[in-house]
């Protein structure tokens, strides 16, 4: 198949959404499909796309605009159509819902099947143009069953056009450290002591305040560890990070924490940590951090919200806590922080669970099956 993919920012700053899209595009290319990518902003993932895409093209906007911007939007759209290679395409694959009106018209003019990859919770409001486009999508691919049902209940998506494809991770890349203590020393952390990691965007919905409060409770009980915060404020702004630092100071935990900013290679930090925490308080559609960490052999404690409970099943259900409950989170940290001594085989079970259930191979095969409907 020849597939046109519409994405936003070809950057790992987009975390799960953009990494998932790169994984899908590369996986489909490896299976013999031809990928043409349209993107709005350049980023560190662009060179990766260029290695396998038959064509990449930057566009100025996916907006079709209102009355004031109509002619500018029309000229942009005509320019995109004219620049596309004269191949016979089969599918236009939108990475986010807000580019669907653009994707629909592109699909209509070129007689393509419209597919939408749904990685976001249901927004509070949807305009009429977007609503109509959503109803015209031939296949909506959701990252979790919870997210799928939320969209269906709101009437935005037809049930017979909705499918679930759980995200997958490349377990050849995301894997445990070969020498845990040596890697800690290489990254400048002491070999002894415990490390708790938060990895992801820095914004309100991620529940970082809950983690800070739980960490404070941990220290008050005389259980000392270091909390690493790895993430970017690209979407929320510098003010939010400053508010987190202020909260750390007010809780008296600042000296036990390190804000590391964005890291384009998160694997090192999964590997040297004892526990990864995903404390989301918004309707997390999936939670890619969960599967990346488990693949590296590091257990995850996470909020019981959105699609996360669909990942942490079986023995891993015990690592779920009520969203926003710093007390529950603190208790789980206390019970599990010493797992390397108490249950040294846990890391291996974490990895085996991901290989069996959330591998990149299973993920791409499922996406291809949906596209070949």
Protein backbone atom coordinates (compact mmCIF):
# COMPACT_ATOMS: atom_id res chain seq x y z
CA UNK A 1 0.00 0.00 0.00
CA UNK A 2 0.96 3.63 -0.50
CA UNK A 3 0.13 5.53 2.68
CA UNK A 4 0.15 9.28 3.33
CA UNK A 5 0.80 10.03 7.00
CA UNK A 6 -0.08 13.39 8.52
CA UNK A 7 1.81 14.26 11.68
CA UNK A 8 2.50 17.39 13.65
CA UNK A 9 5.97 17.82 15.13
CA UNK A 10 8.56 15.26 14.04
CA UNK A 11 10.16 15.43 17.47
CA UNK A 12 10.55 13.22 20.52
CA UNK A 13 9.44 16.26 22.54
CA UNK A 14 5.96 15.00 21.68
CA UNK A 15 6.76 11.89 23.75
CA UNK A 16 4.31 9.00 23.28
CA UNK A 17 2.21 10.43 20.44
CA UNK A 18 5.12 11.14 18.11
CA UNK A 19 7.14 8.06 19.11
CA UNK A 20 4.11 5.86 18.41
CA UNK A 21 3.69 7.42 14.98
CA UNK A 22 7.35 6.87 14.13
CA UNK A 23 7.08 3.25 15.29
CA UNK A 24 4.00 2.67 13.13
CA UNK A 25 5.48 4.35 10.05
CA UNK A 26 8.80 2.50 10.29
CA UNK A 27 7.05 -0.81 11.00
CA UNK A 28 4.73 -0.49 8.02
CA UNK A 29 7.68 0.46 5.81
CA UNK A 30 9.56 -2.64 6.97
CA UNK A 31 6.53 -4.71 5.93
CA UNK A 32 6.81 -3.34 2.38
CA UNK A 33 4.37 -0.40 2.45
CA UNK A 34 5.38 2.95 0.95
CA UNK A 35 5.16 5.86 3.40
CA UNK A 36 4.83 9.52 2.42
CA UNK A 37 4.92 11.83 5.44
CA UNK A 38 3.51 15.34 5.72
CA UNK A 39 4.60 17.29 8.81
CA UNK A 40 4.25 20.79 10.25
CA UNK A 41 7.41 21.20 12.32
CA UNK A 42 10.89 19.78 12.02
CA UNK A 43 12.44 17.92 14.94
CA UNK A 44 14.93 15.28 15.96
CA UNK A 45 12.79 12.46 14.52
CA UNK A 46 12.77 13.89 10.99
CA UNK A 47 16.03 12.25 9.98
CA UNK A 48 14.66 8.89 11.16
CA UNK A 49 11.61 9.35 8.93
CA UNK A 50 13.79 10.28 5.96
CA UNK A 51 15.63 6.95 6.23
CA UNK A 52 12.55 4.96 5.21
CA UNK A 53 9.88 7.32 3.81
CA UNK A 54 9.64 7.52 0.04
CA UNK A 55 8.82 11.20 0.43
CA UNK A 56 8.69 13.73 3.28
CA UNK A 57 7.12 17.15 2.88
CA UNK A 58 6.70 20.07 5.26
CA UNK A 59 3.36 21.89 5.07
CA UNK A 60 2.56 25.28 6.54
CA UNK A 61 -0.78 24.30 8.06
CA UNK A 62 -3.47 21.64 8.27
CA UNK A 63 -6.11 24.27 8.98
CA UNK A 64 -8.80 24.93 6.40
CA UNK A 65 -9.65 28.19 8.15
CA UNK A 66 -12.73 30.33 8.53
CA UNK A 67 -13.76 33.24 6.34
CA UNK A 68 -10.69 35.35 7.14
CA UNK A 69 -8.20 32.60 6.39
CA UNK A 70 -10.12 30.77 3.68
CA UNK A 71 -8.09 31.84 0.65
CA UNK A 72 -4.75 31.35 2.43
CA UNK A 73 -5.84 27.89 3.54
CA UNK A 74 -7.06 27.07 0.02
CA UNK A 75 -3.73 28.10 -1.52
CA UNK A 76 -1.86 26.01 1.06
CA UNK A 77 -4.04 22.99 0.29
CA UNK A 78 -3.58 23.36 -3.49
CA UNK A 79 0.18 23.65 -2.95
CA UNK A 80 0.22 20.40 -0.96
CA UNK A 81 -1.78 18.56 -3.63
CA UNK A 82 0.51 19.79 -6.40
CA UNK A 83 3.70 18.83 -4.55
CA UNK A 84 2.63 15.28 -3.74
CA UNK A 85 4.25 12.65 -5.96
CA UNK A 86 1.90 11.41 -8.68
CA UNK A 87 1.67 7.95 -7.15
CA UNK A 88 -1.52 6.02 -6.59
CA UNK A 89 -2.20 6.28 -2.86
CA UNK A 90 -4.51 4.08 -0.84
CA UNK A 91 -4.74 5.52 2.68
CA UNK A 92 -4.42 8.91 4.37
CA UNK A 93 -3.48 8.31 8.00
CA UNK A 94 -4.02 11.21 10.44
CA UNK A 95 -2.03 11.23 13.67
CA UNK A 96 -4.28 13.75 15.45
CA UNK A 97 -7.95 14.64 15.17
CA UNK A 98 -7.53 18.34 14.47
CA UNK A 99 -6.01 17.65 11.04
CA UNK A 100 -8.98 15.46 10.03
CA UNK A 101 -10.85 18.07 7.90
CA UNK A 102 -7.64 18.52 5.88
CA UNK A 103 -7.13 14.75 5.71
CA UNK A 104 -10.73 14.15 4.66
CA UNK A 105 -10.59 16.59 1.73
CA UNK A 106 -7.21 15.19 0.68
CA UNK A 107 -8.68 11.70 0.82
CA UNK A 108 -11.80 12.74 -1.06
CA UNK A 109 -9.86 14.37 -3.90
CA UNK A 110 -7.43 11.46 -4.24
CA UNK A 111 -10.01 8.76 -3.43
CA UNK A 112 -8.19 7.53 -0.34
CA UNK A 113 -9.45 5.67 2.71
CA UNK A 114 -9.37 7.97 5.75
CA UNK A 115 -7.86 6.48 8.93
CA UNK A 116 -7.42 8.31 12.23
CA UNK A 117 -5.00 7.25 14.95
CA UNK A 118 -6.66 8.27 18.22
CA UNK A 119 -4.10 8.95 20.96
CA UNK A 120 -5.92 11.68 22.89
CA UNK A 121 -8.79 11.75 25.40
CA UNK A 122 -12.10 13.21 24.22
CA UNK A 123 -11.84 17.02 24.13
CA UNK A 124 -14.49 19.12 25.86
CA UNK A 125 -15.60 20.77 22.62
CA UNK A 126 -15.44 19.75 18.97
CA UNK A 127 -16.32 22.10 16.11
CA UNK A 128 -18.84 21.15 13.46
CA UNK A 129 -16.19 20.65 10.76
CA UNK A 130 -14.22 18.29 12.95
CA UNK A 131 -17.35 16.46 14.08
CA UNK A 132 -18.38 15.80 10.47
CA UNK A 133 -14.86 14.65 9.59
CA UNK A 134 -14.82 12.27 12.57
CA UNK A 135 -18.06 10.68 11.43
CA UNK A 136 -16.60 10.16 7.94
CA UNK A 137 -13.45 8.34 9.12
CA UNK A 138 -13.44 4.76 7.82
CA UNK A 139 -11.23 3.38 10.61
CA UNK A 140 -10.45 4.90 13.99
CA UNK A 141 -7.52 3.17 15.69
CA UNK A 142 -7.50 3.67 19.46
CA UNK A 143 -4.59 3.06 21.82
CA UNK A 144 -6.85 1.55 24.49
CA UNK A 145 -10.35 0.17 24.88
CA UNK A 146 -11.16 2.82 27.51
CA UNK A 147 -10.34 5.61 25.07
CA UNK A 148 -12.34 3.93 22.33
CA UNK A 149 -15.46 3.63 24.53
CA UNK A 150 -15.18 7.26 25.67
CA UNK A 151 -15.23 8.48 22.05
CA UNK A 152 -18.12 6.20 21.14
CA UNK A 153 -20.20 7.26 24.17
CA UNK A 154 -19.84 10.90 23.17
CA UNK A 155 -21.19 10.07 19.72
CA UNK A 156 -18.09 11.23 17.87
CA UNK A 157 -17.13 7.82 16.52
CA UNK A 158 -19.17 4.99 15.03
CA UNK A 159 -18.69 1.74 16.92
CA UNK A 160 -18.34 -0.35 13.75
CA UNK A 161 -15.47 1.87 12.64
CA UNK A 162 -13.47 1.71 15.87
CA UNK A 163 -10.57 -0.65 16.56
CA UNK A 164 -7.99 -0.99 19.34
CA UNK A 165 -4.26 -1.47 18.77
CA UNK A 166 -2.24 -1.44 21.97
CA UNK A 167 1.09 0.34 21.57
CA UNK A 168 4.23 -1.74 21.41
CA UNK A 169 7.88 -1.24 22.22
CA UNK A 170 11.04 -2.48 20.52
CA UNK A 171 12.45 -4.83 23.13
CA UNK A 172 15.79 -4.97 21.31
CA UNK A 173 16.24 -1.29 22.12
CA UNK A 174 14.39 -1.05 25.43
CA UNK A 175 16.13 -3.65 27.56
CA UNK A 176 17.72 -3.98 31.01
CA UNK A 177 21.19 -2.71 31.78
CA UNK A 178 24.00 -5.21 31.37
CA UNK A 179 25.74 -3.67 34.40
CA UNK A 180 23.30 -1.76 36.60
CA UNK A 181 25.89 -0.35 39.04
CA UNK A 182 28.35 0.63 36.30
CA UNK A 183 25.63 2.52 34.42
CA UNK A 184 24.66 4.40 37.57
CA UNK A 185 28.25 5.50 38.04
CA UNK A 186 28.52 6.48 34.36
CA UNK A 187 25.53 8.79 34.73
CA UNK A 188 26.91 10.31 37.92
CA UNK A 189 24.64 8.64 40.48
CA UNK A 190 25.82 6.70 43.55
CA UNK A 191 25.78 2.93 43.25
CA UNK A 192 23.89 2.49 46.51
CA UNK A 193 20.62 4.18 47.43
CA UNK A 194 17.27 4.04 45.71
CA UNK A 195 16.17 5.99 42.64
CA UNK A 196 12.56 6.85 41.78
CA UNK A 197 11.94 8.17 38.27
CA UNK A 198 9.27 10.32 36.65
CA UNK A 199 9.57 10.38 32.86
CA UNK A 200 7.33 12.40 30.55
CA UNK A 201 5.85 15.79 29.84
CA UNK A 202 5.73 18.30 32.65
CA UNK A 203 2.12 19.46 32.79
CA UNK A 204 -0.81 19.47 35.21
CA UNK A 205 -2.56 16.39 33.87
CA UNK A 206 0.47 14.21 34.59
CA UNK A 207 -0.08 14.42 38.36
CA UNK A 208 3.50 15.33 39.27
CA UNK A 209 2.30 17.15 42.39
CA UNK A 210 0.91 13.85 43.69
CA UNK A 211 4.33 12.26 43.24
CA UNK A 212 6.09 15.13 45.05
CA UNK A 213 3.69 14.82 47.99
CA UNK A 214 4.15 11.02 48.12
CA UNK A 215 7.93 11.45 48.01
CA UNK A 216 7.68 13.87 50.92
CA UNK A 217 5.76 11.28 52.94
CA UNK A 218 8.45 8.74 52.11
CA UNK A 219 11.19 10.96 53.48
CA UNK A 220 9.18 11.75 56.61
CA UNK A 221 9.08 8.03 57.35
CA UNK A 222 12.86 7.92 57.21
CA UNK A 223 13.01 6.13 53.84
CA UNK A 224 15.56 8.03 51.78
CA UNK A 225 15.79 7.92 48.00
CA UNK A 226 16.49 10.25 45.09
CA UNK A 227 13.69 11.41 42.81
CA UNK A 228 14.61 12.11 39.19
CA UNK A 229 12.27 14.24 37.07
CA UNK A 230 12.97 13.80 33.36
CA UNK A 231 10.78 15.79 31.01
CA UNK A 232 10.09 18.94 29.08
CA UNK A 233 7.82 21.93 29.65
CA UNK A 234 7.58 22.53 25.90
CA UNK A 235 3.77 22.35 26.04
CA UNK A 236 3.06 23.76 29.50
CA UNK A 237 5.67 26.52 29.70
CA UNK A 238 8.51 27.32 32.06
CA UNK A 239 6.11 28.68 34.70
CA UNK A 240 4.80 25.20 35.50
CA UNK A 241 8.30 23.82 36.11
CA UNK A 242 8.98 26.78 38.41
CA UNK A 243 5.80 25.97 40.34
CA UNK A 244 7.02 22.38 40.79
CA UNK A 245 10.37 23.61 42.09
CA UNK A 246 8.58 25.92 44.52
CA UNK A 247 6.47 22.99 45.74
CA UNK A 248 9.62 20.92 46.28
CA UNK A 249 11.08 23.70 48.42
CA UNK A 250 7.87 24.08 50.43
CA UNK A 251 7.74 20.30 51.04
CA UNK A 252 11.37 20.24 52.10
CA UNK A 253 12.39 17.68 49.46
CA UNK A 254 14.46 19.82 47.07
CA UNK A 255 17.84 18.41 48.13
CA UNK A 256 16.65 14.86 47.35
CA UNK A 257 15.49 15.68 43.83
CA UNK A 258 17.03 16.32 40.45
CA UNK A 259 15.27 18.01 37.51
CA UNK A 260 17.06 16.71 34.44
CA UNK A 261 15.00 18.32 31.67
CA UNK A 262 14.30 16.58 28.39
CA UNK A 263 16.42 13.56 27.46
CA UNK A 264 16.30 12.17 23.93
CA UNK A 265 17.49 8.79 25.20
CA UNK A 266 15.29 7.77 28.15
CA UNK A 267 16.57 4.19 28.27
CA UNK A 268 19.55 4.99 30.52
CA UNK A 269 17.23 6.40 33.15
CA UNK A 270 14.80 3.49 33.06
CA UNK A 271 17.75 1.15 33.50
CA UNK A 272 19.28 2.84 36.56
CA UNK A 273 16.00 3.41 38.40
CA UNK A 274 14.40 1.19 41.01
CA UNK A 275 10.82 2.35 40.38
CA UNK A 276 9.17 4.43 37.66
CA UNK A 277 6.04 6.35 38.65
CA UNK A 278 3.26 7.39 36.24
CA UNK A 279 0.96 9.51 38.48
CA UNK A 280 -1.47 10.84 35.83
CA UNK A 281 -4.68 12.54 36.95
CA UNK A 282 -6.13 13.08 33.47
CA UNK A 283 -7.70 10.36 31.33
CA UNK A 284 -4.38 8.93 30.12
CA UNK A 285 -5.19 7.20 26.79
CA UNK A 286 -2.45 4.59 27.14
CA UNK A 287 0.81 5.33 28.96
CA UNK A 288 3.79 4.47 26.77
CA UNK A 289 6.19 5.14 29.64
CA UNK A 290 4.74 2.07 31.39
CA UNK A 291 5.72 -0.39 28.66
CA UNK A 292 9.09 1.23 28.01
CA UNK A 293 10.08 0.94 31.66
CA UNK A 294 8.82 -2.63 32.07
CA UNK A 295 10.74 -3.66 28.95
CA UNK A 296 13.86 -2.34 30.67
CA UNK A 297 13.09 -4.53 33.68
CA UNK A 298 12.04 -1.67 35.95
CA UNK A 299 8.63 -1.98 37.67
CA UNK A 300 6.05 0.79 37.34
CA UNK A 301 3.65 2.25 39.89
CA UNK A 302 0.85 4.10 38.10
CA UNK A 303 -2.54 5.76 38.48
CA UNK A 304 -5.62 3.63 37.96
CA UNK A 305 -6.93 5.86 35.19
CA UNK A 306 -7.59 5.82 31.44
CA UNK A 307 -5.88 3.03 29.55
CA UNK A 308 -3.19 2.33 32.17
CA UNK A 309 -5.14 -0.51 33.91
CA UNK A 310 -5.31 -2.25 30.51
CA UNK A 311 -1.51 -2.46 30.60
CA UNK A 312 -0.95 -3.34 34.25
CA UNK A 313 -2.93 -6.56 34.51
CA UNK A 314 -2.34 -9.85 36.32
CA UNK A 315 0.37 -9.58 38.96
CA UNK A 316 1.01 -5.97 37.91
CA UNK A 317 -2.44 -4.79 39.03
CA UNK A 318 -1.03 -4.41 42.53
CA UNK A 319 1.02 -1.44 41.33
CA UNK A 320 -2.06 0.70 40.57
CA UNK A 321 -3.22 3.48 42.91
CA UNK A 322 -6.14 5.92 43.07
CA UNK A 323 -5.34 9.02 40.97
CA UNK A 324 -4.32 11.96 43.16
CA UNK A 325 -3.79 9.84 46.30
CA UNK A 326 -0.30 10.65 47.57
CA UNK A 327 -0.88 8.33 50.56
CA UNK A 328 -1.58 5.27 48.37
CA UNK A 329 1.38 6.09 46.16
CA UNK A 330 3.68 6.52 49.15
CA UNK A 331 2.57 3.15 50.57
CA UNK A 332 3.23 1.40 47.25
CA UNK A 333 6.67 2.99 47.06
CA UNK A 334 7.48 1.81 50.58
CA UNK A 335 6.33 -1.74 49.80
CA UNK A 336 8.18 -2.05 46.49
CA UNK A 337 11.27 0.14 46.63
CA UNK A 338 13.42 -2.76 47.85
CA UNK A 339 12.28 -5.26 45.23
CA UNK A 340 15.85 -5.93 44.04
CA UNK A 341 16.59 -7.48 47.44
CA UNK A 342 13.14 -8.93 48.22
CA UNK A 343 12.13 -10.23 44.77
CA UNK A 344 15.15 -10.12 42.42
CA UNK A 345 13.30 -12.00 39.65
CA UNK A 346 10.71 -9.20 39.31
CA UNK A 347 12.72 -7.32 36.68
CA UNK A 348 12.83 -10.39 34.46
CA UNK A 349 9.05 -10.90 34.84
CA UNK A 350 8.43 -7.27 33.89
CA UNK A 351 10.35 -7.72 30.65
CA UNK A 352 8.80 -11.08 29.79
CA UNK A 353 5.34 -9.59 30.28
CA UNK A 354 6.07 -6.86 27.71
CA UNK A 355 7.60 -9.29 25.21
CA UNK A 356 4.45 -11.43 25.44
CA UNK A 357 1.89 -8.64 25.31
CA UNK A 358 3.25 -5.30 24.08
CA UNK A 359 6.03 -5.94 21.58
CA UNK A 360 6.50 -3.67 18.56
CA UNK A 361 5.98 -6.68 16.27
CA UNK A 362 2.51 -7.39 17.70
CA UNK A 363 1.69 -3.69 17.51
CA UNK A 364 2.60 -3.28 13.83
CA UNK A 365 0.92 -6.55 12.81
CA UNK A 366 -2.28 -5.32 14.47
CA UNK A 367 -2.08 -1.95 12.69
CA UNK A 368 -1.53 -3.64 9.34
CA UNK A 369 -4.49 -5.98 9.90
CA UNK A 370 -6.74 -2.97 10.54
CA UNK A 371 -5.48 -1.11 7.47
CA UNK A 372 -6.08 -4.16 5.26
CA UNK A 373 -9.75 -4.44 6.29
